[in-house]
């Protein structure tokens, strides 16, 4: 009983850790993408402004 419980606990911990890692990776990727898009839009906007002058 204790061995099974121990294995179950380890699995639970691994799943929890993996889920947290995945969440962190997704969040970081999303933030990075947001930043890249923001900078790209800013640069495009700047180019358009420079062209208008």
Protein backbone atom coordinates (compact mmCIF):
# COMPACT_ATOMS: atom_id res chain seq x y z
CA UNK A 1 0.00 0.00 0.00
CA UNK A 2 2.72 2.46 0.99
CA UNK A 3 4.76 1.72 -2.15
CA UNK A 4 1.79 2.39 -4.41
CA UNK A 5 0.99 5.54 -2.48
CA UNK A 6 4.60 6.70 -2.77
CA UNK A 7 4.60 6.13 -6.54
CA UNK A 8 1.27 7.94 -6.83
CA UNK A 9 2.67 10.87 -4.85
CA UNK A 10 5.76 11.06 -7.06
CA UNK A 11 3.60 10.99 -10.19
CA UNK A 12 1.39 13.71 -8.77
CA UNK A 13 4.43 15.85 -7.96
CA UNK A 14 5.93 15.33 -11.42
CA UNK A 15 2.64 16.20 -13.11
CA UNK A 16 2.26 19.29 -10.92
CA UNK A 17 5.86 20.36 -11.61
CA UNK A 18 5.46 19.72 -15.34
CA UNK A 19 2.21 21.69 -15.40
CA UNK A 20 3.90 24.62 -13.64
CA UNK A 21 6.83 24.47 -16.05
CA UNK A 22 4.48 24.42 -19.03
CA UNK A 23 2.54 27.36 -17.60
CA UNK A 24 5.76 29.31 -17.13
CA UNK A 25 7.00 28.53 -20.64
CA UNK A 26 3.67 29.46 -22.23
CA UNK A 27 3.48 32.67 -20.20
CA UNK A 28 7.06 33.62 -21.12
CA UNK A 29 6.46 32.86 -24.79
CA UNK A 30 3.26 34.91 -24.74
CA UNK A 31 5.04 37.86 -23.11
CA UNK A 32 7.90 37.62 -25.59
CA UNK A 33 5.48 37.52 -28.51
CA UNK A 34 3.60 40.50 -27.12
CA UNK A 35 6.84 42.45 -26.80
CA UNK A 36 7.97 41.54 -30.32
CA UNK A 37 4.61 42.50 -31.81
CA UNK A 38 4.61 45.75 -29.85
CA UNK A 39 8.10 46.67 -31.07
CA UNK A 40 7.25 45.67 -34.65
CA UNK A 41 4.15 47.87 -34.58
CA UNK A 42 6.12 50.75 -33.07
CA UNK A 43 8.80 50.48 -35.76
CA UNK A 44 6.15 50.32 -38.51
CA UNK A 45 4.42 53.35 -37.04
CA UNK A 46 7.73 55.21 -36.91
CA UNK A 47 8.46 54.36 -40.56
CA UNK A 48 5.05 55.62 -41.63
CA UNK A 49 5.56 58.85 -39.70
CA UNK A 50 8.97 59.34 -41.27
CA UNK A 51 7.46 58.80 -44.73
CA UNK A 52 4.74 61.37 -44.13
CA UNK A 53 7.24 64.13 -43.40
